[in-house]
Amino acid sequence: MDIDELRTFVEVADTLGVSPAARRLGVAKSVVSRRLFRLEADLGVQLLSRTTRGAVLTEAGAAFRDHAARICAEVDTARETIAPQGELQGRLRVAAPLTFGPTHYAPALAEMARRHPKLTLQTCYSDRFVDLVAEGFDCAIRVGYLQDSTLIARRFGSVYGKLVASPDYIRLHGAPQAPDDIMDHEALMQGSETWQFIDGDRTVSIRPRGRFKADNGTALVSAALAGLGLAWLPDDFTRPHVEAGRLVEVMPQFPVPPGGAYLLRPPGQHPSRKIRVLTELLIEMCV
């Protein structure tokens, strides 16, 4: 077996299909199939069951997947160790938010690719919650308030926001005067999140309710502009509309605590040099 066969197997196992694995590896489907055939022949066991919908791990494949992933990671680390100082090789898969990602963090990722021409960098932009381990990502950029998890986080910036609404909404429904009043209003939300506000020396948490939900900040701004409710959003999305008077700040006496911009990676003893370099670049370009 060789490292390309192992890496191909891990990609197929994580994507549950030859076609998506081929896209991620940048090779033809026939190449993926040949590598899998050689690996299974070498091991003498079937690792994957092919179906009309994709590929499913066999019991042996499920047991072998984590070992194969660790071997691939060790090989990448070894290559980094002997590479000329400053030169990065291999592949780095990054999950980034669709909200903020293309405008705020894509320049840093592009600059990393420019500085390291032997590095293959793949970024997936999505506002859904990505499982780094299950989906085979090396790291993720996340914005806001982190939930408890086993992932290791490094903060590289801050995100400021406020509660806003359209003048029409306030004219029809009034404005909340305290955090508890939000429960009497329509809230524009991503899901079932908690909103936080600073009240003197304490932080107040509110679980708002609303009938309009979207997993994208731009969509929530559009709903706020349409007068559908209160929106708790980063300043970068609302600033031009507040300055133009299309949105107004609500409850400024109870400011929103700043959130963070983080680079997260799966748990492990040491981050790879690729992740360390990306972290330093994000700090350099995004603070």
C-alpha atoms as a PDB file:
ATOM      1  CA  MET A   1       0.000   0.000   0.000  1.00  0.00           C
ATOM      2  CA  ASP A   2       1.121   3.611  -0.470  1.00  0.00           C
ATOM      3  CA  ILE A   3       0.105   6.912   1.074  1.00  0.00           C
ATOM      4  CA  ASP A   4      -2.072   7.914  -1.895  1.00  0.00           C
ATOM      5  CA  GLU A   5      -4.117   4.748  -1.466  1.00  0.00           C
ATOM      6  CA  LEU A   6      -4.570   5.405   2.244  1.00  0.00           C
ATOM      7  CA  ARG A   7      -5.490   9.049   1.680  1.00  0.00           C
ATOM      8  CA  THR A   8      -7.976   8.061  -1.015  1.00  0.00           C
ATOM      9  CA  PHE A   9      -9.607   5.495   1.262  1.00  0.00           C
ATOM     10  CA  VAL A  10      -9.989   8.096   4.040  1.00  0.00           C
ATOM     11  CA  GLU A  11     -11.605  10.544   1.621  1.00  0.00           C
ATOM     12  CA  VAL A  12     -14.078   7.930   0.356  1.00  0.00           C
ATOM     13  CA  ALA A  13     -14.848   6.861   3.922  1.00  0.00           C
ATOM     14  CA  ASP A  14     -15.510  10.463   4.986  1.00  0.00           C
ATOM     15  CA  THR A  15     -17.551  11.486   1.943  1.00  0.00           C
ATOM     16  CA  LEU A  16     -19.317   8.106   1.545  1.00  0.00           C
ATOM     17  CA  GLY A  17     -18.762   8.076  -2.174  1.00  0.00           C
ATOM     18  CA  VAL A  18     -16.194   7.766  -4.946  1.00  0.00           C
ATOM     19  CA  SER A  19     -17.413  10.862  -6.822  1.00  0.00           C
ATOM     20  CA  PRO A  20     -17.180  13.350  -3.920  1.00  0.00           C
ATOM     21  CA  ALA A  21     -13.819  11.880  -2.893  1.00  0.00           C
ATOM     22  CA  ALA A  22     -12.521  12.314  -6.436  1.00  0.00           C
ATOM     23  CA  ARG A  23     -13.619  15.963  -6.413  1.00  0.00           C
ATOM     24  CA  ARG A  24     -11.867  16.598  -3.105  1.00  0.00           C
ATOM     25  CA  LEU A  25      -8.686  14.877  -4.279  1.00  0.00           C
ATOM     26  CA  GLY A  26      -8.764  16.500  -7.698  1.00  0.00           C
ATOM     27  CA  VAL A  27      -8.462  13.199  -9.590  1.00  0.00           C
ATOM     28  CA  ALA A  28     -10.690  11.111 -11.853  1.00  0.00           C
ATOM     29  CA  LYS A  29     -13.151   8.632 -10.375  1.00  0.00           C
ATOM     30  CA  SER A  30     -11.301   5.830 -12.135  1.00  0.00           C
ATOM     31  CA  VAL A  31      -8.140   6.749 -10.225  1.00  0.00           C
ATOM     32  CA  VAL A  32     -10.004   6.569  -6.925  1.00  0.00           C
ATOM     33  CA  SER A  33     -11.457   3.170  -7.820  1.00  0.00           C
ATOM     34  CA  ARG A  34      -8.059   1.772  -8.809  1.00  0.00           C
ATOM     35  CA  ARG A  35      -6.454   2.955  -5.584  1.00  0.00           C
ATOM     36  CA  LEU A  36      -9.220   1.398  -3.501  1.00  0.00           C
ATOM     37  CA  PHE A  37      -8.924  -1.882  -5.415  1.00  0.00           C
ATOM     38  CA  ARG A  38      -5.146  -2.038  -4.837  1.00  0.00           C
ATOM     39  CA  LEU A  39      -5.524  -1.215  -1.127  1.00  0.00           C
ATOM     40  CA  GLU A  40      -8.183  -3.856  -0.539  1.00  0.00           C
ATOM     41  CA  ALA A  41      -6.151  -6.409  -2.500  1.00  0.00           C
ATOM     42  CA  ASP A  42      -3.075  -5.618  -0.439  1.00  0.00           C
ATOM     43  CA  LEU A  43      -4.959  -5.913   2.864  1.00  0.00           C
ATOM     44  CA  GLY A  44      -6.968  -8.924   1.780  1.00  0.00           C
ATOM     45  CA  VAL A  45     -10.239  -7.498   3.127  1.00  0.00           C
ATOM     46  CA  GLN A  46     -13.151  -5.472   1.786  1.00  0.00           C
ATOM     47  CA  LEU A  47     -13.109  -1.970   3.267  1.00  0.00           C
ATOM     48  CA  LEU A  48     -16.125  -0.503   1.475  1.00  0.00           C
ATOM     49  CA  SER A  49     -19.447  -1.771   0.202  1.00  0.00           C
ATOM     50  CA  ARG A  50     -20.412  -0.008  -3.035  1.00  0.00           C
ATOM     51  CA  THR A  51     -24.073   0.869  -3.457  1.00  0.00           C
ATOM     52  CA  THR A  52     -26.070   2.850  -5.997  1.00  0.00           C
ATOM     53  CA  ARG A  53     -26.011   5.763  -3.539  1.00  0.00           C
ATOM     54  CA  GLY A  54     -22.317   5.717  -2.753  1.00  0.00           C
ATOM     55  CA  ALA A  55     -20.043   3.700  -0.477  1.00  0.00           C
ATOM     56  CA  VAL A  56     -20.495   2.378   3.044  1.00  0.00           C
ATOM     57  CA  LEU A  57     -17.734   1.251   5.371  1.00  0.00           C
ATOM     58  CA  THR A  58     -17.611  -2.425   6.198  1.00  0.00           C
ATOM     59  CA  GLU A  59     -16.775  -3.484   9.744  1.00  0.00           C
ATOM     60  CA  ALA A  60     -13.138  -3.850   8.716  1.00  0.00           C
ATOM     61  CA  GLY A  61     -13.215  -0.485   6.940  1.00  0.00           C
ATOM     62  CA  ALA A  62     -14.616   1.290   9.996  1.00  0.00           C
ATOM     63  CA  ALA A  63     -11.861  -0.213  12.144  1.00  0.00           C
ATOM     64  CA  PHE A  64      -9.168   0.711   9.585  1.00  0.00           C
ATOM     65  CA  ARG A  65     -10.307   4.292   8.831  1.00  0.00           C
ATOM     66  CA  ASP A  66      -8.907   6.004  11.943  1.00  0.00           C
ATOM     67  CA  HIS A  67      -5.563   4.194  11.619  1.00  0.00           C
ATOM     68  CA  ALA A  68      -5.306   5.277   7.983  1.00  0.00           C
ATOM     69  CA  ALA A  69      -6.158   8.897   8.857  1.00  0.00           C
ATOM     70  CA  ARG A  70      -3.486   8.973  11.556  1.00  0.00           C
ATOM     71  CA  ILE A  71      -0.888   7.570   9.163  1.00  0.00           C
ATOM     72  CA  CYS A  72      -1.732  10.269   6.598  1.00  0.00           C
ATOM     73  CA  ALA A  73      -1.452  12.970   9.251  1.00  0.00           C
ATOM     74  CA  GLU A  74       1.901  11.590  10.442  1.00  0.00           C
ATOM     75  CA  VAL A  75       3.255  11.557   6.894  1.00  0.00           C
ATOM     76  CA  ASP A  76       2.191  15.172   6.390  1.00  0.00           C
ATOM     77  CA  THR A  77       3.879  16.145   9.656  1.00  0.00           C
ATOM     78  CA  ALA A  78       7.059  14.292   8.661  1.00  0.00           C
ATOM     79  CA  ARG A  79       7.125  16.096   5.312  1.00  0.00           C
ATOM     80  CA  GLU A  80       6.768  19.433   7.060  1.00  0.00           C
ATOM     81  CA  THR A  81       9.633  18.558   9.392  1.00  0.00           C
ATOM     82  CA  ILE A  82      12.150  17.949   6.595  1.00  0.00           C
ATOM     83  CA  ALA A  83      10.860  20.647   4.243  1.00  0.00           C
ATOM     84  CA  PRO A  84      12.934  23.815   3.786  1.00  0.00           C
ATOM     85  CA  GLN A  85      12.258  26.396   6.478  1.00  0.00           C
ATOM     86  CA  GLY A  86       8.984  28.204   5.827  1.00  0.00           C
ATOM     87  CA  GLU A  87       7.836  25.916   3.013  1.00  0.00           C
ATOM     88  CA  LEU A  88       4.496  24.175   3.506  1.00  0.00           C
ATOM     89  CA  GLN A  89       3.373  21.120   1.583  1.00  0.00           C
ATOM     90  CA  GLY A  90       0.432  18.758   1.485  1.00  0.00           C
ATOM     91  CA  ARG A  91      -3.176  19.750   1.866  1.00  0.00           C
ATOM     92  CA  LEU A  92      -5.113  21.932   4.291  1.00  0.00           C
ATOM     93  CA  ARG A  93      -8.914  21.631   4.406  1.00  0.00           C
ATOM     94  CA  VAL A  94     -10.648  24.573   6.087  1.00  0.00           C
ATOM     95  CA  ALA A  95     -14.321  25.024   6.976  1.00  0.00           C
ATOM     96  CA  ALA A  96     -15.328  28.690   7.015  1.00  0.00           C
ATOM     97  CA  PRO A  97     -18.647  30.502   7.506  1.00  0.00           C
ATOM     98  CA  LEU A  98     -20.540  31.665   4.454  1.00  0.00           C
ATOM     99  CA  THR A  99     -21.439  34.701   6.554  1.00  0.00           C
ATOM    100  CA  PHE A 100     -18.160  36.671   6.899  1.00  0.00           C
ATOM    101  CA  GLY A 101     -15.997  34.002   5.254  1.00  0.00           C
ATOM    102  CA  PRO A 102     -15.758  35.166   1.619  1.00  0.00           C
ATOM    103  CA  THR A 103     -15.465  38.840   2.583  1.00  0.00           C
ATOM    104  CA  HIS A 104     -13.385  38.726   5.770  1.00  0.00           C
ATOM    105  CA  TYR A 105     -11.264  35.558   5.733  1.00  0.00           C
ATOM    106  CA  ALA A 106     -10.875  34.565   2.078  1.00  0.00           C
ATOM    107  CA  PRO A 107      -8.093  37.171   1.569  1.00  0.00           C
ATOM    108  CA  ALA A 108      -6.029  35.570   4.353  1.00  0.00           C
ATOM    109  CA  LEU A 109      -6.519  32.098   2.880  1.00  0.00           C
ATOM    110  CA  ALA A 110      -5.578  33.360  -0.583  1.00  0.00           C
ATOM    111  CA  GLU A 111      -2.465  35.021   0.852  1.00  0.00           C
ATOM    112  CA  MET A 112      -1.463  31.747   2.520  1.00  0.00           C
ATOM    113  CA  ALA A 113      -1.738  29.936  -0.826  1.00  0.00           C
ATOM    114  CA  ARG A 114       0.339  32.678  -2.482  1.00  0.00           C
ATOM    115  CA  ARG A 115       3.102  32.431   0.114  1.00  0.00           C
ATOM    116  CA  HIS A 116       3.228  28.625  -0.030  1.00  0.00           C
ATOM    117  CA  PRO A 117       2.960  27.443  -3.651  1.00  0.00           C
ATOM    118  CA  LYS A 118       3.382  23.749  -2.747  1.00  0.00           C
ATOM    119  CA  LEU A 119       0.389  23.819  -0.392  1.00  0.00           C
ATOM    120  CA  THR A 120      -3.019  22.609  -1.583  1.00  0.00           C
ATOM    121  CA  LEU A 121      -5.685  24.621   0.223  1.00  0.00           C
ATOM    122  CA  GLN A 122      -9.370  23.670   0.091  1.00  0.00           C
ATOM    123  CA  THR A 123     -12.014  25.826   1.788  1.00  0.00           C
ATOM    124  CA  CYS A 124     -15.690  24.984   2.266  1.00  0.00           C
ATOM    125  CA  TYR A 125     -17.912  28.016   2.932  1.00  0.00           C
ATOM    126  CA  SER A 126     -21.107  27.141   4.779  1.00  0.00           C
ATOM    127  CA  ASP A 127     -23.081  28.506   7.703  1.00  0.00           C
ATOM    128  CA  ARG A 128     -24.071  25.037   8.877  1.00  0.00           C
ATOM    129  CA  PHE A 129     -22.246  23.479  11.816  1.00  0.00           C
ATOM    130  CA  VAL A 130     -19.441  21.348  10.326  1.00  0.00           C
ATOM    131  CA  ASP A 131     -18.189  18.248  12.143  1.00  0.00           C
ATOM    132  CA  LEU A 132     -14.435  18.582  11.628  1.00  0.00           C
ATOM    133  CA  VAL A 133     -13.526  15.011  12.465  1.00  0.00           C
ATOM    134  CA  ALA A 134     -16.385  13.253  10.686  1.00  0.00           C
ATOM    135  CA  GLU A 135     -16.076  15.394   7.550  1.00  0.00           C
ATOM    136  CA  GLY A 136     -12.299  15.359   7.354  1.00  0.00           C
ATOM    137  CA  PHE A 137     -11.476  19.025   7.925  1.00  0.00           C
ATOM    138  CA  ASP A 138      -8.155  20.100   9.425  1.00  0.00           C
ATOM    139  CA  CYS A 139      -9.583  23.229  11.021  1.00  0.00           C
ATOM    140  CA  ALA A 140     -12.517  25.634  10.993  1.00  0.00           C
ATOM    141  CA  ILE A 141     -13.060  29.367  11.296  1.00  0.00           C
ATOM    142  CA  ARG A 142     -16.006  30.173  13.539  1.00  0.00           C
ATOM    143  CA  VAL A 143     -17.478  33.468  14.600  1.00  0.00           C
ATOM    144  CA  GLY A 144     -19.506  34.432  17.658  1.00  0.00           C
ATOM    145  CA  TYR A 145     -19.708  32.618  20.988  1.00  0.00           C
ATOM    146  CA  LEU A 146     -18.200  29.164  21.210  1.00  0.00           C
ATOM    147  CA  GLN A 147     -20.154  26.258  22.594  1.00  0.00           C
ATOM    148  CA  ASP A 148     -18.460  23.722  24.838  1.00  0.00           C
ATOM    149  CA  SER A 149     -16.728  21.043  22.783  1.00  0.00           C
ATOM    150  CA  THR A 150     -13.590  18.955  22.609  1.00  0.00           C
ATOM    151  CA  LEU A 151     -12.208  21.150  19.816  1.00  0.00           C
ATOM    152  CA  ILE A 152      -9.176  23.326  20.519  1.00  0.00           C
ATOM    153  CA  ALA A 153      -9.775  27.019  19.775  1.00  0.00           C
ATOM    154  CA  ARG A 154      -7.448  29.962  19.183  1.00  0.00           C
ATOM    155  CA  ARG A 155      -9.028  33.420  19.133  1.00  0.00           C
ATOM    156  CA  PHE A 156      -7.642  35.693  16.433  1.00  0.00           C
ATOM    157  CA  GLY A 157     -10.116  38.583  16.428  1.00  0.00           C
ATOM    158  CA  SER A 158     -13.257  40.157  17.869  1.00  0.00           C
ATOM    159  CA  VAL A 159     -16.725  40.671  16.405  1.00  0.00           C
ATOM    160  CA  TYR A 160     -18.982  43.502  17.593  1.00  0.00           C
ATOM    161  CA  GLY A 161     -22.720  43.691  17.123  1.00  0.00           C
ATOM    162  CA  LYS A 162     -25.980  45.238  18.256  1.00  0.00           C
ATOM    163  CA  LEU A 163     -29.743  44.725  18.351  1.00  0.00           C
ATOM    164  CA  VAL A 164     -31.485  46.438  15.425  1.00  0.00           C
ATOM    165  CA  ALA A 165     -34.893  46.812  13.835  1.00  0.00           C
ATOM    166  CA  SER A 166     -36.442  48.826  11.047  1.00  0.00           C
ATOM    167  CA  PRO A 167     -38.180  52.151  11.816  1.00  0.00           C
ATOM    168  CA  ASP A 168     -41.422  50.642  10.499  1.00  0.00           C
ATOM    169  CA  TYR A 169     -41.241  47.740  12.944  1.00  0.00           C
ATOM    170  CA  ILE A 170     -40.661  50.070  15.880  1.00  0.00           C
ATOM    171  CA  ARG A 171     -43.463  52.359  14.757  1.00  0.00           C
ATOM    172  CA  LEU A 172     -45.907  49.425  14.663  1.00  0.00           C
ATOM    173  CA  HIS A 173     -44.701  47.396  17.650  1.00  0.00           C
ATOM    174  CA  GLY A 174     -42.628  49.728  19.801  1.00  0.00           C
ATOM    175  CA  ALA A 175     -39.092  49.048  21.032  1.00  0.00           C
ATOM    176  CA  PRO A 176     -38.097  46.853  23.994  1.00  0.00           C
ATOM    177  CA  GLN A 177     -36.746  48.818  26.923  1.00  0.00           C
ATOM    178  CA  ALA A 178     -35.062  45.905  28.720  1.00  0.00           C
ATOM    179  CA  PRO A 179     -33.893  42.404  27.687  1.00  0.00           C
ATOM    180  CA  ASP A 180     -36.980  40.699  29.157  1.00  0.00           C
ATOM    181  CA  ASP A 181     -39.196  42.809  26.862  1.00  0.00           C
ATOM    182  CA  ILE A 182     -37.746  40.966  23.857  1.00  0.00           C
ATOM    183  CA  MET A 183     -40.008  38.034  24.677  1.00  0.00           C
ATOM    184  CA  ASP A 184     -42.968  40.195  23.560  1.00  0.00           C
ATOM    185  CA  HIS A 185     -41.413  40.797  20.131  1.00  0.00           C
ATOM    186  CA  GLU A 186     -40.709  38.874  16.929  1.00  0.00           C
ATOM    187  CA  ALA A 187     -37.061  37.829  16.786  1.00  0.00           C
ATOM    188  CA  LEU A 188     -35.110  37.085  13.603  1.00  0.00           C
ATOM    189  CA  MET A 189     -32.861  34.141  14.393  1.00  0.00           C
ATOM    190  CA  GLN A 190     -30.485  31.574  12.977  1.00  0.00           C
ATOM    191  CA  GLY A 191     -32.071  28.764  14.968  1.00  0.00           C
ATOM    192  CA  SER A 192     -32.751  28.530  18.678  1.00  0.00           C
ATOM    193  CA  GLU A 193     -29.841  30.615  19.875  1.00  0.00           C
ATOM    194  CA  THR A 194     -29.442  32.664  23.043  1.00  0.00           C
ATOM    195  CA  TRP A 195     -29.038  36.431  22.859  1.00  0.00           C
ATOM    196  CA  GLN A 196     -26.784  38.123  25.400  1.00  0.00           C
ATOM    197  CA  PHE A 197     -26.750  41.693  26.710  1.00  0.00           C
ATOM    198  CA  ILE A 198     -24.585  43.573  29.189  1.00  0.00           C
ATOM    199  CA  ASP A 199     -26.479  44.941  32.199  1.00  0.00           C
ATOM    200  CA  GLY A 200     -24.006  46.779  34.381  1.00  0.00           C
ATOM    201  CA  ASP A 201     -21.501  44.224  35.635  1.00  0.00           C
ATOM    202  CA  ARG A 202     -23.494  41.150  34.559  1.00  0.00           C
ATOM    203  CA  THR A 203     -24.500  39.451  31.324  1.00  0.00           C
ATOM    204  CA  VAL A 204     -28.184  38.747  30.735  1.00  0.00           C
ATOM    205  CA  SER A 205     -29.189  35.824  28.484  1.00  0.00           C
ATOM    206  CA  ILE A 206     -32.499  35.708  26.581  1.00  0.00           C
ATOM    207  CA  ARG A 207     -33.969  32.880  24.488  1.00  0.00           C
ATOM    208  CA  PRO A 208     -36.053  34.852  21.955  1.00  0.00           C
ATOM    209  CA  ARG A 209     -38.912  33.573  19.844  1.00  0.00           C
ATOM    210  CA  GLY A 210     -39.745  34.258  16.228  1.00  0.00           C
ATOM    211  CA  ARG A 211     -41.209  32.802  13.062  1.00  0.00           C
ATOM    212  CA  PHE A 212     -38.427  33.861  10.658  1.00  0.00           C
ATOM    213  CA  LYS A 213     -35.206  31.858  10.802  1.00  0.00           C
ATOM    214  CA  ALA A 214     -32.226  31.712   8.463  1.00  0.00           C
ATOM    215  CA  ASP A 215     -28.683  30.383   8.838  1.00  0.00           C
ATOM    216  CA  ASN A 216     -27.165  33.381   7.060  1.00  0.00           C
ATOM    217  CA  GLY A 217     -26.586  36.899   8.340  1.00  0.00           C
ATOM    218  CA  THR A 218     -27.361  38.595   5.023  1.00  0.00           C
ATOM    219  CA  ALA A 219     -30.769  36.916   4.952  1.00  0.00           C
ATOM    220  CA  LEU A 220     -31.511  38.110   8.489  1.00  0.00           C
ATOM    221  CA  VAL A 221     -30.576  41.677   7.520  1.00  0.00           C
ATOM    222  CA  SER A 222     -33.075  41.492   4.644  1.00  0.00           C
ATOM    223  CA  ALA A 223     -35.773  40.334   7.064  1.00  0.00           C
ATOM    224  CA  ALA A 224     -34.970  43.174   9.440  1.00  0.00           C
ATOM    225  CA  LEU A 225     -35.154  45.701   6.600  1.00  0.00           C
ATOM    226  CA  ALA A 226     -38.581  44.274   5.699  1.00  0.00           C
ATOM    227  CA  GLY A 227     -39.811  45.044   9.211  1.00  0.00           C
ATOM    228  CA  LEU A 228     -40.238  41.419  10.304  1.00  0.00           C
ATOM    229  CA  GLY A 229     -38.673  41.772  13.737  1.00  0.00           C
ATOM    230  CA  LEU A 230     -35.633  42.413  15.916  1.00  0.00           C
ATOM    231  CA  ALA A 231     -32.238  41.201  14.715  1.00  0.00           C
ATOM    232  CA  TRP A 232     -29.136  40.594  16.842  1.00  0.00           C
ATOM    233  CA  LEU A 233     -26.361  40.954  14.268  1.00  0.00           C
ATOM    234  CA  PRO A 234     -22.687  41.901  13.766  1.00  0.00           C
ATOM    235  CA  ASP A 235     -22.005  45.555  12.991  1.00  0.00           C
ATOM    236  CA  ASP A 236     -20.378  44.719   9.659  1.00  0.00           C
ATOM    237  CA  PHE A 237     -23.785  43.634   8.355  1.00  0.00           C
ATOM    238  CA  THR A 238     -25.897  46.410   9.822  1.00  0.00           C
ATOM    239  CA  ARG A 239     -23.570  49.443   9.747  1.00  0.00           C
ATOM    240  CA  PRO A 240     -24.468  50.787   6.272  1.00  0.00           C
ATOM    241  CA  HIS A 241     -28.194  50.378   6.971  1.00  0.00           C
ATOM    242  CA  VAL A 242     -27.935  52.064  10.382  1.00  0.00           C
ATOM    243  CA  GLU A 243     -25.976  54.944   8.862  1.00  0.00           C
ATOM    244  CA  ALA A 244     -28.643  55.333   6.139  1.00  0.00           C
ATOM    245  CA  GLY A 245     -31.502  55.156   8.662  1.00  0.00           C
ATOM    246  CA  ARG A 246     -32.965  51.949   7.231  1.00  0.00           C
ATOM    247  CA  LEU A 247     -32.255  50.218  10.562  1.00  0.00           C
ATOM    248  CA  VAL A 248     -31.984  51.710  14.048  1.00  0.00           C
ATOM    249  CA  GLU A 249     -30.206  50.428  17.121  1.00  0.00           C
ATOM    250  CA  VAL A 250     -32.542  49.053  19.759  1.00  0.00           C
ATOM    251  CA  MET A 251     -31.862  49.062  23.498  1.00  0.00           C
ATOM    252  CA  PRO A 252     -28.399  50.724  23.318  1.00  0.00           C
ATOM    253  CA  GLN A 253     -28.366  50.932  27.124  1.00  0.00           C
ATOM    254  CA  PHE A 254     -27.932  47.134  27.115  1.00  0.00           C
ATOM    255  CA  PRO A 255     -25.039  46.564  24.666  1.00  0.00           C
ATOM    256  CA  VAL A 256     -24.237  43.226  23.078  1.00  0.00           C
ATOM    257  CA  PRO A 257     -21.015  41.650  24.439  1.00  0.00           C
ATOM    258  CA  PRO A 258     -18.345  41.263  21.767  1.00  0.00           C
ATOM    259  CA  GLY A 259     -18.007  37.845  20.198  1.00  0.00           C
ATOM    260  CA  GLY A 260     -14.854  36.288  18.856  1.00  0.00           C
ATOM    261  CA  ALA A 261     -13.349  34.985  15.645  1.00  0.00           C
ATOM    262  CA  TYR A 262     -11.688  31.628  16.251  1.00  0.00           C
ATOM    263  CA  LEU A 263      -9.658  28.996  14.472  1.00  0.00           C
ATOM    264  CA  LEU A 264     -10.657  25.565  15.748  1.00  0.00           C
ATOM    265  CA  ARG A 265      -8.923  22.235  15.268  1.00  0.00           C
ATOM    266  CA  PRO A 266      -9.571  18.685  16.447  1.00  0.00           C
ATOM    267  CA  PRO A 267      -7.957  17.709  19.748  1.00  0.00           C
ATOM    268  CA  GLY A 268      -4.352  16.568  19.619  1.00  0.00           C
ATOM    269  CA  GLN A 269      -1.020  17.219  21.257  1.00  0.00           C
ATOM    270  CA  HIS A 270       0.321  19.785  18.792  1.00  0.00           C
ATOM    271  CA  PRO A 271      -1.205  21.658  15.867  1.00  0.00           C
ATOM    272  CA  SER A 272       0.399  21.043  12.490  1.00  0.00           C
ATOM    273  CA  ARG A 273       2.664  23.758  11.172  1.00  0.00           C
ATOM    274  CA  LYS A 274       0.079  24.520   8.460  1.00  0.00           C
ATOM    275  CA  ILE A 275      -2.505  25.354  11.128  1.00  0.00           C
ATOM    276  CA  ARG A 276      -0.004  27.414  13.130  1.00  0.00           C
ATOM    277  CA  VAL A 277       0.909  29.416  10.031  1.00  0.00           C
ATOM    278  CA  LEU A 278      -2.763  29.998   9.164  1.00  0.00           C
ATOM    279  CA  THR A 279      -3.476  31.158  12.712  1.00  0.00           C
ATOM    280  CA  GLU A 280      -0.599  33.658  12.592  1.00  0.00           C
ATOM    281  CA  LEU A 281      -1.770  34.936   9.208  1.00  0.00           C
ATOM    282  CA  LEU A 282      -5.353  35.408  10.411  1.00  0.00           C
ATOM    283  CA  ILE A 283      -4.063  37.361  13.408  1.00  0.00           C
ATOM    284  CA  GLU A 284      -1.881  39.450  11.100  1.00  0.00           C
ATOM    285  CA  MET A 285      -4.599  40.256   8.561  1.00  0.00           C
ATOM    286  CA  CYS A 286      -7.854  40.206  10.501  1.00  0.00           C
ATOM    287  CA  VAL A 287      -7.206  41.968  13.810  1.00  0.00           C
END
